[in-house]
């Protein structure tokens, strides 16, 4: 089998902003438009910037959705170069593709640049002040920014205020319960897009175990051979060890110095807040009254679909079965593209890897949002039913590349 290293996960977006600058300015498409949006950051210290995708005025006031990023410096487009153990030939602009698809179905969408994504790190073109890992000492910083984004969308003239939902991808999936419970309870509901149930230290352990399994099944490498051949695997294991020490209060750091010591590119205090977030999310999920949609791809290696099932099992156990819907989408990855293969554990042709966000996801989102907003589904619309394993024929587009493997999706500055 032929392999090649993936150049890097978080590549500069500068080229893409030039090539696709027409996408980032107001434009008209079938009477829909994309506008630049500005709103205050969580603490009001600067102005956040993003894109507002408005459907045709015929849909106004429209239901709306705010898309909140996963870990790492992410732009309003949420560019993803791959998932754990696998890289794509070209990045997928996850949020942009979701936004365009939902906009076409009459839903307003707000995406925004994360505060760690700006001109200072060639991540986006905005006026954000420069930040370093030492400036981010709590994950609540990102939660508060997301709350401001939801309030902005609710107050827009083209949007029906009581029909706005918040969707968190990956890391921010754990933001959703607390946002719905007490940070903005006026929201209609929340969506967890590959949102972990486990604390981050446990998730890192699972990722390492899955990596070892994939090295064995796809490359026929023993754990020792994998560690020698792929040094980033060593980094991932060391990070997991350190984060587990933090979780167990065993990490050697001077009391009061948690904001100044970095582990894997983030402060100890940031890791502590991220670990605590999982417990908070679980507790708050049992108390909220709004509906939840829990979505996961069954080929997601960053956040395996078992995490979504754990959410469902927990909500069932606390008597909240009527407040959530579960959608495990067949063949979808952490980027929500489809790898249409009969057995993911066996080597497969790279032509099976989809290059776009699959319509399974966007159709499922649109159907759920419209149902809870009281909007009848048009006969031409359709989506896989939730609460069951989904099926699809996969993306019609494909490309031929050698296998590429990507480790360290949560390492270094990518954490915050």
Protein backbone atom coordinates (compact mmCIF):
# COMPACT_ATOMS: atom_id res chain seq x y z
CA UNK A 1 0.00 0.00 0.00
CA UNK A 2 1.30 3.46 -0.86
CA UNK A 3 1.40 6.08 1.87
CA UNK A 4 2.37 9.70 2.04
CA UNK A 5 2.53 12.19 4.91
CA UNK A 6 -0.19 14.72 5.20
CA UNK A 7 1.36 18.17 4.93
CA UNK A 8 -0.39 19.70 7.91
CA UNK A 9 -3.78 19.83 9.54
CA UNK A 10 -4.19 23.52 10.19
CA UNK A 11 -2.88 25.01 6.95
CA UNK A 12 -3.04 28.70 6.23
CA UNK A 13 -6.32 29.95 4.86
CA UNK A 14 -4.79 32.93 3.11
CA UNK A 15 -4.87 31.33 -0.33
CA UNK A 16 -8.45 30.25 0.13
CA UNK A 17 -9.55 33.71 1.20
CA UNK A 18 -8.16 35.12 -2.02
CA UNK A 19 -9.54 32.39 -4.25
CA UNK A 20 -12.94 32.40 -2.61
CA UNK A 21 -13.23 36.03 -1.58
CA UNK A 22 -16.50 36.26 -3.46
CA UNK A 23 -17.96 33.82 -0.96
CA UNK A 24 -17.00 36.01 1.98
CA UNK A 25 -18.77 39.16 0.87
CA UNK A 26 -22.43 39.93 0.44
CA UNK A 27 -23.80 38.29 -2.66
CA UNK A 28 -27.12 37.18 -4.09
CA UNK A 29 -27.97 33.61 -5.05
CA UNK A 30 -31.57 32.81 -5.92
CA UNK A 31 -32.70 35.81 -3.87
CA UNK A 32 -30.63 34.58 -0.90
CA UNK A 33 -27.62 36.47 0.36
CA UNK A 34 -24.53 36.19 2.52
CA UNK A 35 -23.67 39.16 4.70
CA UNK A 36 -20.81 39.95 7.03
CA UNK A 37 -22.01 39.83 10.63
CA UNK A 38 -20.53 41.60 13.65
CA UNK A 39 -21.44 41.05 17.29
CA UNK A 40 -19.74 41.53 20.67
CA UNK A 41 -17.49 38.82 22.05
CA UNK A 42 -18.51 36.96 25.18
CA UNK A 43 -17.00 39.50 27.56
CA UNK A 44 -17.48 42.44 25.21
CA UNK A 45 -13.75 43.10 24.87
CA UNK A 46 -13.80 43.12 21.05
CA UNK A 47 -16.08 42.50 18.06
CA UNK A 48 -16.58 39.02 16.65
CA UNK A 49 -16.98 38.62 12.90
CA UNK A 50 -18.70 36.03 10.76
CA UNK A 51 -21.05 35.30 7.89
CA UNK A 52 -24.83 35.48 7.99
CA UNK A 53 -26.52 33.30 5.38
CA UNK A 54 -30.04 34.58 4.81
CA UNK A 55 -32.61 32.68 2.77
CA UNK A 56 -34.95 34.34 0.30
CA UNK A 57 -37.15 37.03 1.90
CA UNK A 58 -40.08 34.77 1.08
CA UNK A 59 -39.00 32.68 4.09
CA UNK A 60 -38.72 35.64 6.50
CA UNK A 61 -38.94 35.53 9.43
CA UNK A 62 -36.96 32.34 9.03
CA UNK A 63 -35.80 29.78 11.57
CA UNK A 64 -32.10 30.07 12.32
CA UNK A 65 -29.08 28.13 13.46
CA UNK A 66 -25.72 29.17 14.90
CA UNK A 67 -22.81 26.84 14.11
CA UNK A 68 -20.14 26.66 16.82
CA UNK A 69 -16.66 25.27 16.14
CA UNK A 70 -14.75 22.30 17.40
CA UNK A 71 -11.28 22.54 18.93
CA UNK A 72 -8.48 24.47 17.27
CA UNK A 73 -8.27 27.87 15.58
CA UNK A 74 -11.29 27.70 13.25
CA UNK A 75 -12.62 30.21 10.77
CA UNK A 76 -16.25 30.88 9.96
CA UNK A 77 -15.93 28.21 7.26
CA UNK A 78 -14.60 25.54 9.68
CA UNK A 79 -11.99 24.10 7.36
CA UNK A 80 -11.14 20.48 8.15
CA UNK A 81 -8.20 18.69 6.55
CA UNK A 82 -9.14 15.26 7.87
CA UNK A 83 -9.91 13.31 10.98
CA UNK A 84 -7.82 11.30 13.39
CA UNK A 85 -5.66 8.86 11.41
CA UNK A 86 -6.82 10.08 8.02
CA UNK A 87 -6.36 13.21 5.94
CA UNK A 88 -8.24 14.50 2.90
CA UNK A 89 -6.53 15.56 -0.30
CA UNK A 90 -8.29 18.91 -0.05
CA UNK A 91 -9.82 20.52 3.05
CA UNK A 92 -13.58 20.42 3.48
CA UNK A 93 -15.22 23.71 4.49
CA UNK A 94 -17.69 22.08 6.83
CA UNK A 95 -19.61 25.09 8.14
CA UNK A 96 -19.73 26.86 4.81
CA UNK A 97 -21.19 23.80 3.09
CA UNK A 98 -23.74 23.24 5.87
CA UNK A 99 -24.70 26.90 5.78
CA UNK A 100 -25.25 27.00 2.03
CA UNK A 101 -27.35 23.84 2.11
CA UNK A 102 -29.56 25.05 4.98
CA UNK A 103 -29.87 28.52 3.46
CA UNK A 104 -31.25 26.91 0.30
CA UNK A 105 -33.90 25.20 2.46
CA UNK A 106 -35.11 28.46 4.00
CA UNK A 107 -33.03 28.52 7.17
CA UNK A 108 -30.83 31.43 8.29
CA UNK A 109 -27.33 30.42 9.37
CA UNK A 110 -24.68 32.27 11.35
CA UNK A 111 -21.05 31.16 11.30
CA UNK A 112 -18.19 33.12 12.82
CA UNK A 113 -14.43 33.17 13.24
CA UNK A 114 -13.32 31.72 16.54
CA UNK A 115 -11.45 34.24 18.70
CA UNK A 116 -8.26 32.18 18.16
CA UNK A 117 -8.56 32.58 14.39
CA UNK A 118 -7.42 35.87 12.89
CA UNK A 119 -4.85 37.66 10.84
CA UNK A 120 -2.28 37.16 13.59
CA UNK A 121 -2.07 33.44 12.71
CA UNK A 122 -3.16 33.61 9.04
CA UNK A 123 -6.36 31.82 9.94
CA UNK A 124 -8.84 34.45 8.76
CA UNK A 125 -9.20 38.05 7.68
CA UNK A 126 -10.69 40.03 10.55
CA UNK A 127 -9.77 42.64 13.15
CA UNK A 128 -9.34 40.27 16.08
CA UNK A 129 -6.67 41.10 18.64
CA UNK A 130 -3.79 38.64 18.83
CA UNK A 131 -4.19 35.87 21.38
CA UNK A 132 -1.81 33.21 22.64
CA UNK A 133 -2.53 29.98 24.53
CA UNK A 134 -1.74 31.80 27.77
CA UNK A 135 -4.68 34.14 27.09
CA UNK A 136 -7.22 31.30 27.09
CA UNK A 137 -7.46 29.88 30.60
CA UNK A 138 -11.04 28.57 30.52
CA UNK A 139 -13.22 26.90 27.94
CA UNK A 140 -16.04 29.15 29.16
CA UNK A 141 -14.46 31.87 27.02
CA UNK A 142 -15.64 30.03 23.90
CA UNK A 143 -19.03 29.25 25.44
CA UNK A 144 -19.68 32.93 26.12
CA UNK A 145 -18.75 33.87 22.54
CA UNK A 146 -21.24 31.30 21.26
CA UNK A 147 -23.98 32.74 23.47
CA UNK A 148 -23.44 36.21 21.99
CA UNK A 149 -23.70 34.70 18.51
CA UNK A 150 -27.10 33.19 19.33
CA UNK A 151 -28.39 36.49 20.67
CA UNK A 152 -27.25 38.29 17.54
CA UNK A 153 -29.14 35.87 15.30
CA UNK A 154 -32.27 36.00 17.44
CA UNK A 155 -32.36 39.79 17.14
CA UNK A 156 -32.00 39.90 13.37
CA UNK A 157 -35.04 41.19 11.48
CA UNK A 158 -35.01 38.27 9.04
CA UNK A 159 -35.05 35.63 11.78
CA UNK A 160 -37.85 34.33 13.98
CA UNK A 161 -36.42 34.81 17.46
CA UNK A 162 -38.14 31.83 19.05
CA UNK A 163 -37.04 29.46 16.27
CA UNK A 164 -33.28 29.69 16.65
CA UNK A 165 -31.13 26.70 17.59
CA UNK A 166 -27.46 26.37 18.48
CA UNK A 167 -25.31 23.57 17.07
CA UNK A 168 -21.95 22.63 18.53
CA UNK A 169 -19.45 20.57 16.56
CA UNK A 170 -17.10 18.25 18.44
CA UNK A 171 -15.67 20.15 21.45
CA UNK A 172 -18.53 22.64 21.46
CA UNK A 173 -21.14 19.90 21.44
CA UNK A 174 -20.59 19.88 25.20
CA UNK A 175 -21.46 23.60 25.29
CA UNK A 176 -25.06 22.96 24.25
CA UNK A 177 -26.72 21.87 27.53
CA UNK A 178 -25.46 24.82 29.59
CA UNK A 179 -26.33 27.30 26.85
CA UNK A 180 -29.88 25.98 26.70
CA UNK A 181 -30.31 25.71 30.45
CA UNK A 182 -29.23 29.10 31.72
CA UNK A 183 -27.05 31.06 29.29
CA UNK A 184 -29.76 31.53 26.66
CA UNK A 185 -32.87 29.53 27.61
CA UNK A 186 -34.95 31.34 24.98
CA UNK A 187 -33.38 29.20 22.25
CA UNK A 188 -35.69 26.69 20.57
CA UNK A 189 -33.29 23.79 20.92
CA UNK A 190 -29.78 22.48 20.52
CA UNK A 191 -27.82 20.16 18.25
CA UNK A 192 -24.75 18.13 19.16
CA UNK A 193 -22.70 17.45 16.04
CA UNK A 194 -20.29 14.71 17.09
CA UNK A 195 -20.39 16.10 20.62
CA UNK A 196 -18.45 14.00 23.16
CA UNK A 197 -20.15 12.47 26.16
CA UNK A 198 -16.85 11.51 27.79
CA UNK A 199 -14.47 13.99 29.42
CA UNK A 200 -11.60 14.98 27.13
CA UNK A 201 -9.06 12.85 29.02
CA UNK A 202 -11.16 9.73 28.44
CA UNK A 203 -11.77 10.68 24.82
CA UNK A 204 -8.03 11.00 24.22
CA UNK A 205 -7.60 7.49 25.62
CA UNK A 206 -10.22 6.18 23.20
CA UNK A 207 -8.57 7.97 20.29
CA UNK A 208 -5.24 6.34 21.07
CA UNK A 209 -6.84 2.91 21.29
CA UNK A 210 -8.59 3.44 17.96
CA UNK A 211 -5.36 4.67 16.37
CA UNK A 212 -3.60 1.46 17.38
CA UNK A 213 -6.45 -0.60 15.91
CA UNK A 214 -6.33 1.29 12.60
CA UNK A 215 -2.55 1.03 12.34
CA UNK A 216 -2.96 -2.72 12.71
CA UNK A 217 -5.91 -3.18 10.32
CA UNK A 218 -4.94 -0.69 7.61
CA UNK A 219 -1.14 -0.71 7.71
CA UNK A 220 -0.42 -4.01 9.44
CA UNK A 221 1.75 -2.23 12.03
CA UNK A 222 2.17 -3.33 15.63
CA UNK A 223 1.87 -0.61 18.30
CA UNK A 224 5.68 -0.55 18.63
CA UNK A 225 6.16 -0.23 14.85
CA UNK A 226 3.56 2.54 14.72
CA UNK A 227 5.32 4.51 17.44
CA UNK A 228 8.64 4.25 15.61
CA UNK A 229 7.18 5.12 12.20
CA UNK A 230 4.88 7.92 13.35
CA UNK A 231 6.42 10.14 16.06
CA UNK A 232 3.18 12.10 16.39
CA UNK A 233 1.67 8.95 17.83
CA UNK A 234 4.14 9.28 20.66
CA UNK A 235 3.08 12.88 21.16
CA UNK A 236 -0.57 11.82 21.31
CA UNK A 237 0.17 9.22 23.97
CA UNK A 238 2.25 11.62 26.07
CA UNK A 239 -0.51 14.22 25.83
CA UNK A 240 -3.08 11.67 26.95
CA UNK A 241 -0.89 10.75 29.95
CA UNK A 242 -0.51 14.40 30.97
CA UNK A 243 -4.20 15.23 30.57
CA UNK A 244 -5.16 12.19 32.62
CA UNK A 245 -2.79 13.42 35.33
CA UNK A 246 -4.53 16.79 35.24
CA UNK A 247 -7.91 15.07 35.51
CA UNK A 248 -6.73 13.14 38.56
CA UNK A 249 -5.03 16.16 40.19
CA UNK A 250 -1.66 14.43 39.75
CA UNK A 251 -0.02 16.83 37.32
CA UNK A 252 3.04 18.47 38.85
CA UNK A 253 2.31 22.18 38.73
CA UNK A 254 2.77 24.78 41.43
CA UNK A 255 -0.53 25.86 42.95
CA UNK A 256 -1.61 29.14 41.42
CA UNK A 257 0.53 28.61 38.34
CA UNK A 258 -2.09 26.70 36.31
CA UNK A 259 -2.64 29.70 34.02
CA UNK A 260 1.04 29.86 33.06
CA UNK A 261 1.97 26.24 32.35
CA UNK A 262 1.22 24.78 28.91
CA UNK A 263 0.35 21.15 28.20
CA UNK A 264 -0.13 20.22 24.57
CA UNK A 265 -0.42 23.87 23.61
CA UNK A 266 -3.02 24.85 26.21
CA UNK A 267 -2.82 25.98 29.82
CA UNK A 268 -3.36 23.54 32.65
CA UNK A 269 -6.33 25.64 33.75
CA UNK A 270 -7.86 25.35 30.27
CA UNK A 271 -7.57 21.56 30.40
CA UNK A 272 -9.12 21.56 33.88
CA UNK A 273 -12.10 23.57 32.65
CA UNK A 274 -12.49 21.32 29.61
CA UNK A 275 -12.49 18.19 31.77
CA UNK A 276 -15.05 19.72 34.12
CA UNK A 277 -17.22 20.72 31.17
CA UNK A 278 -18.21 17.10 30.53
CA UNK A 279 -19.74 16.72 34.00
CA UNK A 280 -21.49 20.07 33.69
CA UNK A 281 -22.89 19.13 30.29
CA UNK A 282 -24.28 15.84 31.60
CA UNK A 283 -25.88 17.47 34.64
CA UNK A 284 -27.41 20.29 32.59
CA UNK A 285 -28.69 17.97 29.88
CA UNK A 286 -30.93 16.29 32.46
CA UNK A 287 -32.52 19.64 33.37
CA UNK A 288 -33.18 21.36 30.05
CA UNK A 289 -36.68 21.46 28.56
CA UNK A 290 -35.75 22.19 24.94
CA UNK A 291 -35.35 19.42 22.37
CA UNK A 292 -31.93 18.02 21.47
CA UNK A 293 -30.69 16.48 18.25
CA UNK A 294 -27.67 14.22 18.71
CA UNK A 295 -25.81 13.51 15.47
CA UNK A 296 -22.73 11.40 14.78
CA UNK A 297 -21.14 9.78 11.78
CA UNK A 298 -20.50 6.08 12.19
CA UNK A 299 -17.01 6.45 10.68
CA UNK A 300 -15.96 9.31 12.94
CA UNK A 301 -12.56 8.55 14.49
CA UNK A 302 -12.27 11.78 16.52
CA UNK A 303 -15.54 11.30 18.38
CA UNK A 304 -16.73 7.73 17.79
CA UNK A 305 -20.47 7.17 17.43
CA UNK A 306 -20.50 5.33 20.78
CA UNK A 307 -20.29 8.79 22.34
CA UNK A 308 -23.64 9.73 20.78
CA UNK A 309 -25.17 6.48 21.97
CA UNK A 310 -23.86 7.20 25.47
CA UNK A 311 -25.72 10.52 25.35
CA UNK A 312 -28.89 8.71 24.33
CA UNK A 313 -28.51 6.07 27.05
CA UNK A 314 -27.98 8.73 29.67
CA UNK A 315 -30.99 10.79 28.60
CA UNK A 316 -33.11 7.63 28.63
CA UNK A 317 -31.91 6.90 32.16
CA UNK A 318 -33.06 10.30 33.45
CA UNK A 319 -36.48 10.10 31.83
CA UNK A 320 -35.71 12.45 28.95
CA UNK A 321 -36.44 10.05 26.09
CA UNK A 322 -39.05 12.42 24.67
CA UNK A 323 -36.63 15.36 24.50
CA UNK A 324 -34.01 14.06 22.11
CA UNK A 325 -33.55 12.45 18.74
CA UNK A 326 -30.51 10.40 17.79
CA UNK A 327 -29.12 10.21 14.26
CA UNK A 328 -26.15 7.94 13.58
CA UNK A 329 -25.37 8.67 9.95
CA UNK A 330 -23.92 5.86 7.89
CA UNK A 331 -20.45 6.31 6.39
CA UNK A 332 -19.94 9.87 7.69
CA UNK A 333 -16.67 11.06 9.26
CA UNK A 334 -15.86 13.86 11.69
CA UNK A 335 -15.94 16.22 8.69
CA UNK A 336 -19.35 14.79 7.69
CA UNK A 337 -18.13 13.59 4.33
CA UNK A 338 -18.90 9.98 3.42
CA UNK A 339 -16.40 7.14 3.10
CA UNK A 340 -18.61 4.68 1.26
CA UNK A 341 -17.01 1.32 2.03
CA UNK A 342 -18.46 -1.96 3.29
CA UNK A 343 -15.80 -2.42 5.97
CA UNK A 344 -13.87 0.53 7.36
CA UNK A 345 -11.41 -1.77 9.12
CA UNK A 346 -10.16 -3.11 5.79
CA UNK A 347 -8.01 -1.23 3.22
CA UNK A 348 -10.18 0.58 0.69
CA UNK A 349 -9.85 2.66 -2.43
CA UNK A 350 -9.34 6.39 -1.78
CA UNK A 351 -11.97 6.99 -4.47
CA UNK A 352 -14.52 6.01 -1.82
CA UNK A 353 -13.77 9.18 0.16
CA UNK A 354 -16.32 11.93 -0.41
CA UNK A 355 -15.05 15.46 -0.87
CA UNK A 356 -18.05 17.35 0.48
CA UNK A 357 -20.36 17.43 3.47
CA UNK A 358 -22.90 14.72 2.75
CA UNK A 359 -26.55 15.62 2.26
CA UNK A 360 -27.53 13.10 4.94
CA UNK A 361 -26.37 15.62 7.51
CA UNK A 362 -27.89 18.77 6.04
CA UNK A 363 -31.21 17.09 5.26
CA UNK A 364 -31.40 15.72 8.80
CA UNK A 365 -30.68 19.16 10.26
CA UNK A 366 -33.19 20.94 8.04
CA UNK A 367 -35.95 18.44 8.79
CA UNK A 368 -35.41 18.65 12.56
CA UNK A 369 -35.24 22.45 12.64
CA UNK A 370 -38.38 22.84 10.54
CA UNK A 371 -40.30 20.31 12.59
CA UNK A 372 -39.63 22.16 15.82
CA UNK A 373 -40.24 25.55 14.20
CA UNK A 374 -43.65 24.36 13.02
CA UNK A 375 -42.79 24.64 9.34
CA UNK A 376 -44.37 22.00 7.08
CA UNK A 377 -41.88 19.98 5.07
CA UNK A 378 -42.22 20.41 1.34
CA UNK A 379 -42.95 17.26 -0.60
CA UNK A 380 -39.67 17.58 -2.46
CA UNK A 381 -37.71 17.58 0.77
CA UNK A 382 -36.56 14.44 2.44
CA UNK A 383 -34.06 13.25 4.96
CA UNK A 384 -33.21 9.99 6.64
CA UNK A 385 -35.37 9.40 9.68
CA UNK A 386 -33.66 9.89 13.02
CA UNK A 387 -33.38 7.40 15.89
CA UNK A 388 -31.95 4.78 13.54
CA UNK A 389 -28.84 3.93 11.59
CA UNK A 390 -28.87 5.96 8.40
CA UNK A 391 -28.19 4.75 4.87
CA UNK A 392 -26.92 6.59 1.83
CA UNK A 393 -25.30 5.84 -1.46
CA UNK A 394 -22.55 8.31 -0.57
CA UNK A 395 -21.10 11.27 -2.37
CA UNK A 396 -20.95 11.08 -6.16
CA UNK A 397 -17.63 12.94 -6.21
CA UNK A 398 -14.39 11.18 -5.40
CA UNK A 399 -10.67 11.41 -5.99
CA UNK A 400 -7.79 8.99 -6.07
CA UNK A 401 -5.07 9.59 -3.48
CA UNK A 402 -2.75 7.37 -1.49
CA UNK A 403 -3.73 6.72 2.10
CA UNK A 404 -2.74 9.66 4.23
CA UNK A 405 -2.62 9.53 7.98
CA UNK A 406 -3.11 12.40 10.32
CA UNK A 407 -2.18 12.35 13.98
CA UNK A 408 -2.14 15.17 16.45
CA UNK A 409 -5.52 16.68 15.55
CA UNK A 410 -5.68 17.92 19.15
CA UNK A 411 -2.00 18.68 19.62
CA UNK A 412 -0.17 21.96 19.89
CA UNK A 413 -1.96 25.23 19.25
CA UNK A 414 -4.80 23.25 17.67
CA UNK A 415 -6.25 22.64 21.14
CA UNK A 416 -7.54 26.14 21.72
